[in-house]
Amino acid sequence: MSIDLREHGGRHYAIRFHYALPDDAWAVELSEAAPASAALGENPNTERRLPGVAFLVAFVPDEDPNLEPTVHVHSPDEHVIPYEIMRWFMEQVAEQVERCRITFKQGETEEVE
């Protein structure tokens, strides 16, 4: 599982990547990043942040190139997402889509050979 963190306007955000087995897709999740317990950090003076509960999740299928990636809103509360954070999230989703498509094409080429 990979995590990217970014601060914008005094708030902290996280993007987490993981494979969603039931969906046969990569999940790219956007959440606010919450302070981690000092016990988790090696240096107690260093602020660490961990992803919170995702409020946007993009599913990027990697088994079937005909399936479109989708973005799901998961939030009972209203979240205001700054434009720059939304752009950052969508850029990460676009890069994941590209990686999955390249991998799928490479798999097709290996099957033909």
PDB file of N, CA and C in Angstrom:
ATOM      1  N   MET A   1       0.849  -1.161   0.000  1.00  0.00           N
ATOM      2  CA  MET A   1       0.000   0.000   0.000  1.00  0.00           C
ATOM      3  C   MET A   1       0.903   1.234   0.000  1.00  0.00           C
ATOM      4  N   SER A   2       0.610   2.134  -0.892  1.00  0.00           N
ATOM      5  CA  SER A   2       1.385   3.354  -1.048  1.00  0.00           C
ATOM      6  C   SER A   2       0.545   4.552  -0.588  1.00  0.00           C
ATOM      7  N   ILE A   3       1.203   5.521   0.035  1.00  0.00           N
ATOM      8  CA  ILE A   3       0.502   6.708   0.536  1.00  0.00           C
ATOM      9  C   ILE A   3       1.276   7.961   0.128  1.00  0.00           C
ATOM     10  N   ASP A   4       0.557   8.955  -0.401  1.00  0.00           N
ATOM     11  CA  ASP A   4       1.100  10.282  -0.684  1.00  0.00           C
ATOM     12  C   ASP A   4       0.402  11.273   0.227  1.00  0.00           C
ATOM     13  N   LEU A   5       1.164  12.227   0.757  1.00  0.00           N
ATOM     14  CA  LEU A   5       0.600  13.253   1.629  1.00  0.00           C
ATOM     15  C   LEU A   5       0.832  14.627   1.024  1.00  0.00           C
ATOM     16  N   ARG A   6      -0.106  15.533   1.271  1.00  0.00           N
ATOM     17  CA  ARG A   6       0.035  16.910   0.793  1.00  0.00           C
ATOM     18  C   ARG A   6      -0.700  17.838   1.741  1.00  0.00           C
ATOM     19  N   GLU A   7      -0.107  19.013   1.956  1.00  0.00           N
ATOM     20  CA  GLU A   7      -0.729  20.058   2.764  1.00  0.00           C
ATOM     21  C   GLU A   7      -1.216  21.159   1.821  1.00  0.00           C
ATOM     22  N   HIS A   8      -2.384  21.684   2.112  1.00  0.00           N
ATOM     23  CA  HIS A   8      -2.927  22.786   1.316  1.00  0.00           C
ATOM     24  C   HIS A   8      -3.807  23.649   2.212  1.00  0.00           C
ATOM     25  N   GLY A   9      -3.484  24.922   2.295  1.00  0.00           N
ATOM     26  CA  GLY A   9      -4.298  25.846   3.076  1.00  0.00           C
ATOM     27  C   GLY A   9      -4.409  25.468   4.541  1.00  0.00           C
ATOM     28  N   GLY A  10      -3.354  24.888   5.090  1.00  0.00           N
ATOM     29  CA  GLY A  10      -3.361  24.512   6.493  1.00  0.00           C
ATOM     30  C   GLY A  10      -4.023  23.175   6.800  1.00  0.00           C
ATOM     31  N   ARG A  11      -4.550  22.504   5.780  1.00  0.00           N
ATOM     32  CA  ARG A  11      -5.152  21.180   5.979  1.00  0.00           C
ATOM     33  C   ARG A  11      -4.258  20.142   5.306  1.00  0.00           C
ATOM     34  N   HIS A  12      -4.333  18.933   5.815  1.00  0.00           N
ATOM     35  CA  HIS A  12      -3.496  17.851   5.292  1.00  0.00           C
ATOM     36  C   HIS A  12      -4.380  16.799   4.631  1.00  0.00           C
ATOM     37  N   TYR A  13      -3.912  16.324   3.485  1.00  0.00           N
ATOM     38  CA  TYR A  13      -4.661  15.338   2.704  1.00  0.00           C
ATOM     39  C   TYR A  13      -3.760  14.147   2.403  1.00  0.00           C
ATOM     40  N   ALA A  14      -4.391  13.009   2.176  1.00  0.00           N
ATOM     41  CA  ALA A  14      -3.649  11.784   1.857  1.00  0.00           C
ATOM     42  C   ALA A  14      -4.304  11.091   0.671  1.00  0.00           C
ATOM     43  N   ILE A  15      -3.470  10.519  -0.165  1.00  0.00           N
ATOM     44  CA  ILE A  15      -3.932   9.619  -1.227  1.00  0.00           C
ATOM     45  C   ILE A  15      -3.309   8.267  -0.926  1.00  0.00           C
ATOM     46  N   ARG A  16      -4.168   7.270  -0.852  1.00  0.00           N
ATOM     47  CA  ARG A  16      -3.725   5.899  -0.561  1.00  0.00           C
ATOM     48  C   ARG A  16      -4.076   5.025  -1.761  1.00  0.00           C
ATOM     49  N   PHE A  17      -3.137   4.177  -2.172  1.00  0.00           N
ATOM     50  CA  PHE A  17      -3.328   3.226  -3.265  1.00  0.00           C
ATOM     51  C   PHE A  17      -3.353   1.822  -2.679  1.00  0.00           C
ATOM     52  N   HIS A  18      -4.336   1.023  -3.063  1.00  0.00           N
ATOM     53  CA  HIS A  18      -4.330  -0.386  -2.679  1.00  0.00           C
ATOM     54  C   HIS A  18      -5.179  -1.163  -3.683  1.00  0.00           C
ATOM     55  N   TYR A  19      -4.977  -2.472  -3.697  1.00  0.00           N
ATOM     56  CA  TYR A  19      -5.741  -3.305  -4.621  1.00  0.00           C
ATOM     57  C   TYR A  19      -7.031  -3.748  -3.953  1.00  0.00           C
ATOM     58  N   ALA A  20      -8.156  -3.494  -4.620  1.00  0.00           N
ATOM     59  CA  ALA A  20      -9.478  -3.888  -4.114  1.00  0.00           C
ATOM     60  C   ALA A  20      -9.849  -5.198  -4.802  1.00  0.00           C
ATOM     61  N   LEU A  21      -9.520  -6.287  -4.157  1.00  0.00           N
ATOM     62  CA  LEU A  21      -9.718  -7.612  -4.738  1.00  0.00           C
ATOM     63  C   LEU A  21     -11.149  -7.880  -5.187  1.00  0.00           C
ATOM     64  N   PRO A  22     -12.183  -7.558  -4.400  1.00  0.00           N
ATOM     65  CA  PRO A  22     -13.548  -7.848  -4.852  1.00  0.00           C
ATOM     66  C   PRO A  22     -13.924  -7.109  -6.144  1.00  0.00           C
ATOM     67  N   ASP A  23     -13.270  -5.969  -6.385  1.00  0.00           N
ATOM     68  CA  ASP A  23     -13.584  -5.171  -7.578  1.00  0.00           C
ATOM     69  C   ASP A  23     -12.631  -5.441  -8.739  1.00  0.00           C
ATOM     70  N   ASP A  24     -11.609  -6.272  -8.519  1.00  0.00           N
ATOM     71  CA  ASP A  24     -10.557  -6.478  -9.523  1.00  0.00           C
ATOM     72  C   ASP A  24     -10.075  -5.139 -10.061  1.00  0.00           C
ATOM     73  N   ALA A  25      -9.750  -4.246  -9.131  1.00  0.00           N
ATOM     74  CA  ALA A  25      -9.351  -2.897  -9.522  1.00  0.00           C
ATOM     75  C   ALA A  25      -8.426  -2.299  -8.467  1.00  0.00           C
ATOM     76  N   TRP A  26      -7.636  -1.338  -8.906  1.00  0.00           N
ATOM     77  CA  TRP A  26      -6.853  -0.540  -7.981  1.00  0.00           C
ATOM     78  C   TRP A  26      -7.752   0.543  -7.409  1.00  0.00           C
ATOM     79  N   ALA A  27      -7.656   0.749  -6.112  1.00  0.00           N
ATOM     80  CA  ALA A  27      -8.408   1.815  -5.457  1.00  0.00           C
ATOM     81  C   ALA A  27      -7.442   2.953  -5.138  1.00  0.00           C
ATOM     82  N   VAL A  28      -7.846   4.152  -5.524  1.00  0.00           N
ATOM     83  CA  VAL A  28      -7.090   5.359  -5.218  1.00  0.00           C
ATOM     84  C   VAL A  28      -8.002   6.180  -4.317  1.00  0.00           C
ATOM     85  N   GLU A  29      -7.621   6.348  -3.045  1.00  0.00           N
ATOM     86  CA  GLU A  29      -8.495   6.968  -2.062  1.00  0.00           C
ATOM     87  C   GLU A  29      -7.969   8.336  -1.636  1.00  0.00           C
ATOM     88  N   LEU A  30      -8.865   9.310  -1.546  1.00  0.00           N
ATOM     89  CA  LEU A  30      -8.527  10.634  -1.032  1.00  0.00           C
ATOM     90  C   LEU A  30      -9.181  10.812   0.323  1.00  0.00           C
ATOM     91  N   SER A  31      -8.396  11.267   1.296  1.00  0.00           N
ATOM     92  CA  SER A  31      -8.917  11.514   2.642  1.00  0.00           C
ATOM     93  C   SER A  31      -8.139  12.668   3.266  1.00  0.00           C
ATOM     94  N   GLU A  32      -8.635  13.133   4.392  1.00  0.00           N
ATOM     95  CA  GLU A  32      -7.833  14.055   5.182  1.00  0.00           C
ATOM     96  C   GLU A  32      -6.822  13.210   5.940  1.00  0.00           C
ATOM     97  N   ALA A  33      -5.656  13.781   6.176  1.00  0.00           N
ATOM     98  CA  ALA A  33      -4.613  13.069   6.904  1.00  0.00           C
ATOM     99  C   ALA A  33      -4.644  13.538   8.350  1.00  0.00           C
ATOM    100  N   ALA A  34      -4.761  12.597   9.246  1.00  0.00           N
ATOM    101  CA  ALA A  34      -4.845  12.895  10.677  1.00  0.00           C
ATOM    102  C   ALA A  34      -3.481  12.693  11.329  1.00  0.00           C
ATOM    103  N   PRO A  35      -3.205  13.440  12.381  1.00  0.00           N
ATOM    104  CA  PRO A  35      -1.934  13.234  13.091  1.00  0.00           C
ATOM    105  C   PRO A  35      -1.851  11.810  13.629  1.00  0.00           C
ATOM    106  N   ALA A  36      -0.678  11.230  13.489  1.00  0.00           N
ATOM    107  CA  ALA A  36      -0.444   9.878  13.999  1.00  0.00           C
ATOM    108  C   ALA A  36       0.016   9.968  15.444  1.00  0.00           C
ATOM    109  N   SER A  37      -0.196   8.927  16.155  1.00  0.00           N
ATOM    110  CA  SER A  37       0.258   8.840  17.537  1.00  0.00           C
ATOM    111  C   SER A  37       1.778   8.980  17.579  1.00  0.00           C
ATOM    112  N   ALA A  38       2.282   9.662  18.582  1.00  0.00           N
ATOM    113  CA  ALA A  38       3.733   9.818  18.731  1.00  0.00           C
ATOM    114  C   ALA A  38       4.416   8.468  18.877  1.00  0.00           C
ATOM    115  N   ALA A  39       3.697   7.481  19.385  1.00  0.00           N
ATOM    116  CA  ALA A  39       4.274   6.146  19.555  1.00  0.00           C
ATOM    117  C   ALA A  39       4.597   5.499  18.219  1.00  0.00           C
ATOM    118  N   LEU A  40       3.911   5.939  17.149  1.00  0.00           N
ATOM    119  CA  LEU A  40       4.166   5.354  15.832  1.00  0.00           C
ATOM    120  C   LEU A  40       5.429   5.906  15.190  1.00  0.00           C
ATOM    121  N   GLY A  41       5.824   7.110  15.565  1.00  0.00           N
ATOM    122  CA  GLY A  41       6.975   7.746  14.943  1.00  0.00           C
ATOM    123  C   GLY A  41       8.275   7.377  15.620  1.00  0.00           C
ATOM    124  N   GLU A  42       9.345   7.372  14.848  1.00  0.00           N
ATOM    125  CA  GLU A  42      10.661   7.095  15.409  1.00  0.00           C
ATOM    126  C   GLU A  42      11.130   8.289  16.229  1.00  0.00           C
ATOM    127  N   ASN A  43      10.818   9.484  15.754  1.00  0.00           N
ATOM    128  CA  ASN A  43      11.206  10.702  16.436  1.00  0.00           C
ATOM    129  C   ASN A  43       9.936  11.375  16.954  1.00  0.00           C
ATOM    130  N   PRO A  44       9.736  11.451  18.262  1.00  0.00           N
ATOM    131  CA  PRO A  44       8.500  12.017  18.790  1.00  0.00           C
ATOM    132  C   PRO A  44       8.316  13.499  18.466  1.00  0.00           C
ATOM    133  N   ASN A  45       9.383  14.184  18.042  1.00  0.00           N
ATOM    134  CA  ASN A  45       9.277  15.597  17.680  1.00  0.00           C
ATOM    135  C   ASN A  45       8.839  15.794  16.233  1.00  0.00           C
ATOM    136  N   THR A  46       8.800  14.728  15.469  1.00  0.00           N
ATOM    137  CA  THR A  46       8.402  14.798  14.072  1.00  0.00           C
ATOM    138  C   THR A  46       6.919  14.497  13.956  1.00  0.00           C
ATOM    139  N   GLU A  47       6.199  15.432  13.333  1.00  0.00           N
ATOM    140  CA  GLU A  47       4.766  15.196  13.145  1.00  0.00           C
ATOM    141  C   GLU A  47       4.566  14.219  11.992  1.00  0.00           C
ATOM    142  N   ARG A  48       3.814  13.189  12.263  1.00  0.00           N
ATOM    143  CA  ARG A  48       3.485  12.196  11.230  1.00  0.00           C
ATOM    144  C   ARG A  48       1.992  12.228  11.009  1.00  0.00           C
ATOM    145  N   ARG A  49       1.583  11.921   9.810  1.00  0.00           N
ATOM    146  CA  ARG A  49       0.161  11.908   9.474  1.00  0.00           C
ATOM    147  C   ARG A  49      -0.168  10.611   8.761  1.00  0.00           C
ATOM    148  N   LEU A  50      -1.376  10.145   9.019  1.00  0.00           N
ATOM    149  CA  LEU A  50      -1.876   8.928   8.388  1.00  0.00           C
ATOM    150  C   LEU A  50      -3.201   9.228   7.703  1.00  0.00           C
ATOM    151  N   PRO A  51      -3.529   8.483   6.653  1.00  0.00           N
ATOM    152  CA  PRO A  51      -4.815   8.702   5.982  1.00  0.00           C
ATOM    153  C   PRO A  51      -5.980   8.463   6.933  1.00  0.00           C
ATOM    154  N   GLY A  52      -7.012   9.259   6.758  1.00  0.00           N
ATOM    155  CA  GLY A  52      -8.247   9.058   7.509  1.00  0.00           C
ATOM    156  C   GLY A  52      -9.214   8.235   6.668  1.00  0.00           C
ATOM    157  N   VAL A  53     -10.481   8.377   6.961  1.00  0.00           N
ATOM    158  CA  VAL A  53     -11.522   7.672   6.206  1.00  0.00           C
ATOM    159  C   VAL A  53     -11.659   8.343   4.841  1.00  0.00           C
ATOM    160  N   ALA A  54     -11.609   7.548   3.782  1.00  0.00           N
ATOM    161  CA  ALA A  54     -11.669   8.084   2.418  1.00  0.00           C
ATOM    162  C   ALA A  54     -13.028   8.697   2.131  1.00  0.00           C
ATOM    163  N   PHE A  55     -13.005   9.874   1.484  1.00  0.00           N
ATOM    164  CA  PHE A  55     -14.257  10.473   1.042  1.00  0.00           C
ATOM    165  C   PHE A  55     -14.400  10.456  -0.468  1.00  0.00           C
ATOM    166  N   LEU A  56     -13.327  10.192  -1.184  1.00  0.00           N
ATOM    167  CA  LEU A  56     -13.385   9.941  -2.633  1.00  0.00           C
ATOM    168  C   LEU A  56     -12.561   8.694  -2.908  1.00  0.00           C
ATOM    169  N   VAL A  57     -13.115   7.780  -3.705  1.00  0.00           N
ATOM    170  CA  VAL A  57     -12.380   6.570  -4.076  1.00  0.00           C
ATOM    171  C   VAL A  57     -12.557   6.353  -5.569  1.00  0.00           C
ATOM    172  N   ALA A  58     -11.428   6.280  -6.274  1.00  0.00           N
ATOM    173  CA  ALA A  58     -11.451   5.946  -7.695  1.00  0.00           C
ATOM    174  C   ALA A  58     -11.086   4.475  -7.820  1.00  0.00           C
ATOM    175  N   PHE A  59     -11.875   3.743  -8.587  1.00  0.00           N
ATOM    176  CA  PHE A  59     -11.576   2.343  -8.867  1.00  0.00           C
ATOM    177  C   PHE A  59     -11.079   2.249 -10.306  1.00  0.00           C
ATOM    178  N   VAL A  60      -9.880   1.704 -10.474  1.00  0.00           N
ATOM    179  CA  VAL A  60      -9.244   1.589 -11.780  1.00  0.00           C
ATOM    180  C   VAL A  60      -9.113   0.106 -12.105  1.00  0.00           C
ATOM    181  N   PRO A  61     -10.016  -0.427 -12.962  1.00  0.00           N
ATOM    182  CA  PRO A  61      -9.956  -1.854 -13.310  1.00  0.00           C
ATOM    183  C   PRO A  61      -8.653  -2.187 -14.032  1.00  0.00           C
ATOM    184  N   ASP A  62      -8.078  -3.326 -13.692  1.00  0.00           N
ATOM    185  CA  ASP A  62      -6.847  -3.723 -14.362  1.00  0.00           C
ATOM    186  C   ASP A  62      -6.964  -5.072 -15.063  1.00  0.00           C
ATOM    187  N   GLU A  63      -8.139  -5.689 -15.025  1.00  0.00           N
ATOM    188  CA  GLU A  63      -8.335  -6.984 -15.662  1.00  0.00           C
ATOM    189  C   GLU A  63      -8.993  -6.863 -17.031  1.00  0.00           C
ATOM    190  N   ASP A  64      -9.805  -5.844 -17.230  1.00  0.00           N
ATOM    191  CA  ASP A  64     -10.566  -5.667 -18.464  1.00  0.00           C
ATOM    192  C   ASP A  64     -10.437  -4.223 -18.932  1.00  0.00           C
ATOM    193  N   PRO A  65      -9.721  -3.974 -20.040  1.00  0.00           N
ATOM    194  CA  PRO A  65      -9.517  -2.595 -20.503  1.00  0.00           C
ATOM    195  C   PRO A  65     -10.810  -1.925 -20.979  1.00  0.00           C
ATOM    196  N   ASN A  66     -11.877  -2.692 -21.172  1.00  0.00           N
ATOM    197  CA  ASN A  66     -13.145  -2.098 -21.598  1.00  0.00           C
ATOM    198  C   ASN A  66     -13.927  -1.500 -20.433  1.00  0.00           C
ATOM    199  N   LEU A  67     -13.546  -1.837 -19.202  1.00  0.00           N
ATOM    200  CA  LEU A  67     -14.214  -1.253 -18.033  1.00  0.00           C
ATOM    201  C   LEU A  67     -13.631   0.123 -17.753  1.00  0.00           C
ATOM    202  N   GLU A  68     -14.506   1.092 -17.545  1.00  0.00           N
ATOM    203  CA  GLU A  68     -14.086   2.461 -17.277  1.00  0.00           C
ATOM    204  C   GLU A  68     -13.754   2.644 -15.798  1.00  0.00           C
ATOM    205  N   PRO A  69     -12.735   3.434 -15.508  1.00  0.00           N
ATOM    206  CA  PRO A  69     -12.505   3.811 -14.122  1.00  0.00           C
ATOM    207  C   PRO A  69     -13.701   4.625 -13.616  1.00  0.00           C
ATOM    208  N   THR A  70     -13.973   4.532 -12.329  1.00  0.00           N
ATOM    209  CA  THR A  70     -15.088   5.275 -11.741  1.00  0.00           C
ATOM    210  C   THR A  70     -14.607   5.950 -10.461  1.00  0.00           C
ATOM    211  N   VAL A  71     -15.292   7.039 -10.092  1.00  0.00           N
ATOM    212  CA  VAL A  71     -15.009   7.740  -8.842  1.00  0.00           C
ATOM    213  C   VAL A  71     -16.263   7.670  -7.992  1.00  0.00           C
ATOM    214  N   HIS A  72     -16.093   7.231  -6.755  1.00  0.00           N
ATOM    215  CA  HIS A  72     -17.208   7.084  -5.824  1.00  0.00           C
ATOM    216  C   HIS A  72     -17.038   8.084  -4.684  1.00  0.00           C
ATOM    217  N   VAL A  73     -18.135   8.707  -4.289  1.00  0.00           N
ATOM    218  CA  VAL A  73     -18.134   9.621  -3.156  1.00  0.00           C
ATOM    219  C   VAL A  73     -18.595   8.821  -1.940  1.00  0.00           C
ATOM    220  N   HIS A  74     -17.754   8.775  -0.910  1.00  0.00           N
ATOM    221  CA  HIS A  74     -18.055   8.027   0.315  1.00  0.00           C
ATOM    222  C   HIS A  74     -18.032   8.992   1.489  1.00  0.00           C
ATOM    223  N   SER A  75     -19.144   9.631   1.756  1.00  0.00           N
ATOM    224  CA  SER A  75     -19.127  10.570   2.857  1.00  0.00           C
ATOM    225  C   SER A  75     -20.532  10.936   3.289  1.00  0.00           C
ATOM    226  N   PRO A  76     -20.848  10.725   4.550  1.00  0.00           N
ATOM    227  CA  PRO A  76     -22.134  11.198   5.045  1.00  0.00           C
ATOM    228  C   PRO A  76     -22.082  12.703   5.311  1.00  0.00           C
ATOM    229  N   ASP A  77     -20.866  13.246   5.459  1.00  0.00           N
ATOM    230  CA  ASP A  77     -20.686  14.673   5.708  1.00  0.00           C
ATOM    231  C   ASP A  77     -20.255  15.374   4.430  1.00  0.00           C
ATOM    232  N   GLU A  78     -20.511  16.659   4.393  1.00  0.00           N
ATOM    233  CA  GLU A  78     -20.063  17.454   3.257  1.00  0.00           C
ATOM    234  C   GLU A  78     -18.570  17.732   3.409  1.00  0.00           C
ATOM    235  N   HIS A  79     -17.821  17.549   2.332  1.00  0.00           N
ATOM    236  CA  HIS A  79     -16.400  17.860   2.318  1.00  0.00           C
ATOM    237  C   HIS A  79     -16.152  18.893   1.236  1.00  0.00           C
ATOM    238  N   VAL A  80     -15.431  19.922   1.572  1.00  0.00           N
ATOM    239  CA  VAL A  80     -15.004  20.905   0.591  1.00  0.00           C
ATOM    240  C   VAL A  80     -13.600  20.505   0.183  1.00  0.00           C
ATOM    241  N   ILE A  81     -13.432  20.252  -1.103  1.00  0.00           N
ATOM    242  CA  ILE A  81     -12.129  19.815  -1.610  1.00  0.00           C
ATOM    243  C   ILE A  81     -11.552  20.955  -2.442  1.00  0.00           C
ATOM    244  N   PRO A  82     -10.427  21.516  -2.023  1.00  0.00           N
ATOM    245  CA  PRO A  82      -9.812  22.590  -2.811  1.00  0.00           C
ATOM    246  C   PRO A  82      -9.465  22.101  -4.218  1.00  0.00           C
ATOM    247  N   TYR A  83      -9.557  23.002  -5.154  1.00  0.00           N
ATOM    248  CA  TYR A  83      -9.283  22.689  -6.559  1.00  0.00           C
ATOM    249  C   TYR A  83      -7.923  22.011  -6.726  1.00  0.00           C
ATOM    250  N   GLU A  84      -6.885  22.551  -6.098  1.00  0.00           N
ATOM    251  CA  GLU A  84      -5.542  21.978  -6.260  1.00  0.00           C
ATOM    252  C   GLU A  84      -5.467  20.546  -5.726  1.00  0.00           C
ATOM    253  N   ILE A  85      -6.192  20.256  -4.668  1.00  0.00           N
ATOM    254  CA  ILE A  85      -6.201  18.895  -4.123  1.00  0.00           C
ATOM    255  C   ILE A  85      -6.967  17.968  -5.064  1.00  0.00           C
ATOM    256  N   MET A  86      -8.071  18.452  -5.624  1.00  0.00           N
ATOM    257  CA  MET A  86      -8.836  17.643  -6.579  1.00  0.00           C
ATOM    258  C   MET A  86      -7.994  17.364  -7.828  1.00  0.00           C
ATOM    259  N   ARG A  87      -7.261  18.358  -8.297  1.00  0.00           N
ATOM    260  CA  ARG A  87      -6.366  18.151  -9.453  1.00  0.00           C
ATOM    261  C   ARG A  87      -5.302  17.112  -9.131  1.00  0.00           C
ATOM    262  N   TRP A  88      -4.707  17.225  -7.944  1.00  0.00           N
ATOM    263  CA  TRP A  88      -3.679  16.274  -7.514  1.00  0.00           C
ATOM    264  C   TRP A  88      -4.250  14.860  -7.481  1.00  0.00           C
ATOM    265  N   PHE A  89      -5.451  14.709  -6.906  1.00  0.00           N
ATOM    266  CA  PHE A  89      -6.104  13.401  -6.843  1.00  0.00           C
ATOM    267  C   PHE A  89      -6.350  12.851  -8.252  1.00  0.00           C
ATOM    268  N   MET A  90      -6.925  13.671  -9.128  1.00  0.00           N
ATOM    269  CA  MET A  90      -7.245  13.202 -10.480  1.00  0.00           C
ATOM    270  C   MET A  90      -5.985  12.904 -11.294  1.00  0.00           C
ATOM    271  N   GLU A  91      -4.900  13.634 -11.056  1.00  0.00           N
ATOM    272  CA  GLU A  91      -3.632  13.317 -11.719  1.00  0.00           C
ATOM    273  C   GLU A  91      -3.135  11.942 -11.271  1.00  0.00           C
ATOM    274  N   GLN A  92      -3.270  11.650  -9.983  1.00  0.00           N
ATOM    275  CA  GLN A  92      -2.866  10.341  -9.470  1.00  0.00           C
ATOM    276  C   GLN A  92      -3.729   9.230 -10.069  1.00  0.00           C
ATOM    277  N   VAL A  93      -5.026   9.492 -10.191  1.00  0.00           N
ATOM    278  CA  VAL A  93      -5.937   8.518 -10.806  1.00  0.00           C
ATOM    279  C   VAL A  93      -5.537   8.297 -12.270  1.00  0.00           C
ATOM    280  N   ALA A  94      -5.292   9.388 -13.001  1.00  0.00           N
ATOM    281  CA  ALA A  94      -4.918   9.277 -14.417  1.00  0.00           C
ATOM    282  C   ALA A  94      -3.626   8.473 -14.583  1.00  0.00           C
ATOM    283  N   GLU A  95      -2.656   8.692 -13.700  1.00  0.00           N
ATOM    284  CA  GLU A  95      -1.409   7.927 -13.772  1.00  0.00           C
ATOM    285  C   GLU A  95      -1.654   6.445 -13.489  1.00  0.00           C
ATOM    286  N   GLN A  96      -2.556   6.142 -12.559  1.00  0.00           N
ATOM    287  CA  GLN A  96      -2.881   4.738 -12.265  1.00  0.00           C
ATOM    288  C   GLN A  96      -3.576   4.090 -13.458  1.00  0.00           C
ATOM    289  N   VAL A  97      -4.477   4.825 -14.112  1.00  0.00           N
ATOM    290  CA  VAL A  97      -5.150   4.313 -15.310  1.00  0.00           C
ATOM    291  C   VAL A  97      -4.105   3.980 -16.370  1.00  0.00           C
ATOM    292  N   GLU A  98      -3.167   4.890 -16.582  1.00  0.00           N
ATOM    293  CA  GLU A  98      -2.128   4.674 -17.586  1.00  0.00           C
ATOM    294  C   GLU A  98      -1.278   3.456 -17.240  1.00  0.00           C
ATOM    295  N   ARG A  99      -0.883   3.316 -15.972  1.00  0.00           N
ATOM    296  CA  ARG A  99      -0.092   2.144 -15.563  1.00  0.00           C
ATOM    297  C   ARG A  99      -0.843   0.845 -15.824  1.00  0.00           C
ATOM    298  N   CYS A 100      -2.133   0.833 -15.497  1.00  0.00           N
ATOM    299  CA  CYS A 100      -2.929  -0.390 -15.685  1.00  0.00           C
ATOM    300  C   CYS A 100      -3.069  -0.729 -17.165  1.00  0.00           C
ATOM    301  N   ARG A 101      -3.268   0.286 -17.989  1.00  0.00           N
ATOM    302  CA  ARG A 101      -3.413   0.036 -19.433  1.00  0.00           C
ATOM    303  C   ARG A 101      -2.115  -0.452 -20.048  1.00  0.00           C
ATOM    304  N   ILE A 102      -1.006   0.112 -19.631  1.00  0.00           N
ATOM    305  CA  ILE A 102       0.293  -0.341 -20.136  1.00  0.00           C
ATOM    306  C   ILE A 102       0.532  -1.791 -19.725  1.00  0.00           C
ATOM    307  N   THR A 103       0.260  -2.102 -18.467  1.00  0.00           N
ATOM    308  CA  THR A 103       0.447  -3.469 -17.976  1.00  0.00           C
ATOM    309  C   THR A 103      -0.447  -4.444 -18.737  1.00  0.00           C
ATOM    310  N   PHE A 104      -1.703  -4.051 -18.992  1.00  0.00           N
ATOM    311  CA  PHE A 104      -2.614  -4.924 -19.721  1.00  0.00           C
ATOM    312  C   PHE A 104      -2.099  -5.175 -21.139  1.00  0.00           C
ATOM    313  N   LYS A 105      -1.629  -4.116 -21.814  1.00  0.00           N
ATOM    314  CA  LYS A 105      -1.108  -4.276 -23.181  1.00  0.00           C
ATOM    315  C   LYS A 105       0.125  -5.168 -23.185  1.00  0.00           C
ATOM    316  N   GLN A 106       0.986  -5.022 -22.191  1.00  0.00           N
ATOM    317  CA  GLN A 106       2.164  -5.880 -22.108  1.00  0.00           C
ATOM    318  C   GLN A 106       1.759  -7.338 -21.918  1.00  0.00           C
ATOM    319  N   GLY A 107       0.727  -7.577 -21.139  1.00  0.00           N
ATOM    320  CA  GLY A 107       0.215  -8.928 -20.937  1.00  0.00           C
ATOM    321  C   GLY A 107      -0.345  -9.518 -22.222  1.00  0.00           C
ATOM    322  N   GLU A 108      -1.043  -8.694 -23.013  1.00  0.00           N
ATOM    323  CA  GLU A 108      -1.578  -9.172 -24.298  1.00  0.00           C
ATOM    324  C   GLU A 108      -0.437  -9.543 -25.238  1.00  0.00           C
ATOM    325  N   THR A 109       0.615  -8.735 -25.258  1.00  0.00           N
ATOM    326  CA  THR A 109       1.769  -8.993 -26.134  1.00  0.00           C
ATOM    327  C   THR A 109       2.453 -10.303 -25.747  1.00  0.00           C
ATOM    328  N   GLU A 110       2.595 -10.546 -24.454  1.00  0.00           N
ATOM    329  CA  GLU A 110       3.244 -11.784 -24.002  1.00  0.00           C
ATOM    330  C   GLU A 110       2.412 -13.005 -24.352  1.00  0.00           C
ATOM    331  N   GLU A 111       1.075 -12.891 -24.336  1.00  0.00           N
ATOM    332  CA  GLU A 111       0.206 -14.012 -24.676  1.00  0.00           C
ATOM    333  C   GLU A 111       0.301 -14.359 -26.156  1.00  0.00           C
ATOM    334  N   VAL A 112       0.503 -13.338 -27.011  1.00  0.00           N
ATOM    335  CA  VAL A 112       0.572 -13.550 -28.462  1.00  0.00           C
ATOM    336  C   VAL A 112       1.882 -14.219 -28.844  1.00  0.00           C
ATOM    337  N   GLU A 113       2.955 -13.903 -28.169  1.00  0.00           N
ATOM    338  CA  GLU A 113       4.303 -14.423 -28.530  1.00  0.00           C
ATOM    339  C   GLU A 113       4.417 -15.880 -28.307  1.00  0.00           C
TER     340      GLU A 113
END
